[in-house]
């Protein structure tokens, strides 16, 4: 892994976060889309970034939780030029540890097809008997 610094944040340059969402092909531009980013970062139980040695944000992941019973890790993404170096794995490992230290008993995530191996290496497994659901999608 190239050297990267990891940090839990409460704010970030909007364009750097947009660049990450675009890298994952999760970004849909709209007049409101950039406006929600600051609240999304502040409203996360933990929003963690990976920075290159020059301070640029090159990866992110966040936890959504009430802080007591359940936690969901989501939005795990690393810029293309930094992928394959363990940065995403380290983001998930650190967020998992963040939740474990707070004694949250249920930590889940939804893995994109083909990424299950990464999460299995970190102790995650299939949620047998359950089907992920998404409102408004058919």
Protein backbone atom coordinates (compact mmCIF):
# COMPACT_ATOMS: atom_id res chain seq x y z
CA UNK A 1 0.00 0.00 0.00
CA UNK A 2 1.24 3.46 -0.82
CA UNK A 3 1.45 5.52 2.26
CA UNK A 4 -1.89 7.09 3.05
CA UNK A 5 -3.19 8.90 6.08
CA UNK A 6 -6.61 8.06 7.49
CA UNK A 7 -8.79 10.54 9.28
CA UNK A 8 -12.35 10.78 10.60
CA UNK A 9 -13.72 14.11 9.40
CA UNK A 10 -16.73 16.38 9.87
CA UNK A 11 -16.15 18.47 6.73
CA UNK A 12 -14.30 18.21 3.42
CA UNK A 13 -13.94 20.04 0.13
CA UNK A 14 -17.09 19.19 -1.81
CA UNK A 15 -15.26 18.72 -5.12
CA UNK A 16 -12.98 16.06 -3.65
CA UNK A 17 -15.97 14.08 -2.37
CA UNK A 18 -17.77 14.48 -5.72
CA UNK A 19 -14.65 13.15 -7.46
CA UNK A 20 -14.87 9.99 -5.35
CA UNK A 21 -18.57 9.47 -6.05
CA UNK A 22 -17.86 9.94 -9.76
CA UNK A 23 -15.02 7.39 -9.58
CA UNK A 24 -17.53 4.85 -8.25
CA UNK A 25 -20.10 5.84 -10.89
CA UNK A 26 -22.52 6.75 -8.08
CA UNK A 27 -22.86 10.45 -8.88
CA UNK A 28 -25.93 12.02 -10.43
CA UNK A 29 -25.54 15.75 -10.89
CA UNK A 30 -28.47 17.92 -9.88
CA UNK A 31 -28.84 21.43 -8.46
CA UNK A 32 -29.16 19.96 -4.95
CA UNK A 33 -26.60 17.14 -5.12
CA UNK A 34 -23.55 19.13 -4.05
CA UNK A 35 -25.54 20.99 -1.39
CA UNK A 36 -26.25 17.81 0.59
CA UNK A 37 -22.62 16.72 0.92
CA UNK A 38 -21.74 18.79 4.04
CA UNK A 39 -24.82 17.51 5.90
CA UNK A 40 -24.14 13.96 4.75
CA UNK A 41 -20.62 14.12 6.17
CA UNK A 42 -21.71 15.71 9.47
CA UNK A 43 -24.71 13.36 9.78
CA UNK A 44 -22.66 10.19 9.42
CA UNK A 45 -21.79 8.35 12.61
CA UNK A 46 -18.25 8.35 11.25
CA UNK A 47 -17.03 9.67 7.90
CA UNK A 48 -13.47 8.58 7.20
CA UNK A 49 -11.15 9.61 4.41
CA UNK A 50 -7.79 8.42 3.15
CA UNK A 51 -5.42 11.16 2.07
CA UNK A 52 -2.39 10.96 -0.17
CA UNK A 53 0.84 12.30 1.23
CA UNK A 54 0.11 15.67 -0.42
CA UNK A 55 -3.21 15.89 1.48
CA UNK A 56 -5.59 15.06 -1.38
CA UNK A 57 -8.59 12.89 -0.47
CA UNK A 58 -8.15 9.62 -2.37
CA UNK A 59 -10.67 7.38 -0.59
CA UNK A 60 -13.65 7.48 1.70
CA UNK A 61 -16.12 5.34 3.58
CA UNK A 62 -18.74 6.11 6.17
CA UNK A 63 -20.88 4.57 8.90
CA UNK A 64 -24.57 5.25 9.32
CA UNK A 65 -25.75 4.36 12.83
CA UNK A 66 -27.69 5.38 15.92
CA UNK A 67 -24.48 4.67 17.82
CA UNK A 68 -25.99 1.91 19.94
CA UNK A 69 -27.60 -1.03 18.14
CA UNK A 70 -26.92 -1.19 14.39
CA UNK A 71 -24.36 0.25 12.00
CA UNK A 72 -24.08 0.21 8.22
CA UNK A 73 -20.82 0.83 6.42
CA UNK A 74 -21.37 2.39 3.02
CA UNK A 75 -19.89 4.56 0.28
CA UNK A 76 -16.55 2.74 0.29
CA UNK A 77 -14.60 4.11 -2.67
CA UNK A 78 -10.99 4.77 -3.66
CA UNK A 79 -9.83 6.75 -6.68
CA UNK A 80 -8.91 4.50 -9.61
CA UNK A 81 -5.20 5.31 -9.53
CA UNK A 82 -4.99 4.24 -5.87
CA UNK A 83 -7.05 1.04 -6.05
CA UNK A 84 -5.49 -2.32 -5.35
CA UNK A 85 -3.21 -0.94 -2.63
CA UNK A 86 -5.28 -1.87 0.44
CA UNK A 87 -6.73 1.60 1.03
CA UNK A 88 -10.37 0.51 0.82
CA UNK A 89 -9.63 -2.49 3.02
CA UNK A 90 -8.02 -0.21 5.61
CA UNK A 91 -10.97 2.20 5.55
CA UNK A 92 -13.39 -0.67 6.23
CA UNK A 93 -11.11 -2.17 8.89
CA UNK A 94 -10.88 1.16 10.72
CA UNK A 95 -14.62 1.84 10.54
CA UNK A 96 -15.39 -1.68 11.75
CA UNK A 97 -13.03 -1.15 14.68
CA UNK A 98 -14.66 2.23 15.38
CA UNK A 99 -18.03 0.46 15.74
CA UNK A 100 -16.64 -2.48 17.73
CA UNK A 101 -14.99 -0.11 20.21
CA UNK A 102 -18.41 1.48 20.76
CA UNK A 103 -19.91 -1.97 21.38
CA UNK A 104 -22.31 -1.84 18.45
CA UNK A 105 -23.47 -5.47 18.12
CA UNK A 106 -24.66 -5.45 14.48
CA UNK A 107 -22.44 -4.08 11.69
CA UNK A 108 -23.57 -4.60 8.13
CA UNK A 109 -22.85 -3.48 4.60
CA UNK A 110 -24.02 -4.16 1.06
CA UNK A 111 -21.19 -5.41 -1.16
CA UNK A 112 -21.16 -4.76 -4.88
CA UNK A 113 -20.89 -7.93 -6.99
CA UNK A 114 -17.33 -9.16 -7.12
CA UNK A 115 -16.20 -7.40 -3.94
CA UNK A 116 -17.36 -9.98 -1.40
CA UNK A 117 -13.86 -11.40 -0.97
CA UNK A 118 -12.54 -8.11 0.37
CA UNK A 119 -15.23 -7.97 3.04
CA UNK A 120 -14.95 -11.66 3.90
CA UNK A 121 -11.24 -11.13 4.63
CA UNK A 122 -12.34 -8.50 7.17
CA UNK A 123 -14.80 -10.81 8.94
CA UNK A 124 -18.01 -10.07 7.03
CA UNK A 125 -20.21 -12.78 5.56
CA UNK A 126 -23.50 -13.17 3.72
CA UNK A 127 -26.65 -12.20 5.56
CA UNK A 128 -28.31 -15.56 4.99
CA UNK A 129 -32.07 -15.53 4.82
CA UNK A 130 -32.38 -11.83 4.04
CA UNK A 131 -32.81 -9.88 0.82
CA UNK A 132 -31.54 -6.31 0.45
CA UNK A 133 -34.37 -4.01 -0.60
CA UNK A 134 -34.40 -0.53 -2.10
CA UNK A 135 -37.38 1.79 -2.11
CA UNK A 136 -38.64 2.88 -5.53
CA UNK A 137 -36.63 0.37 -7.58
CA UNK A 138 -38.30 -2.43 -9.53
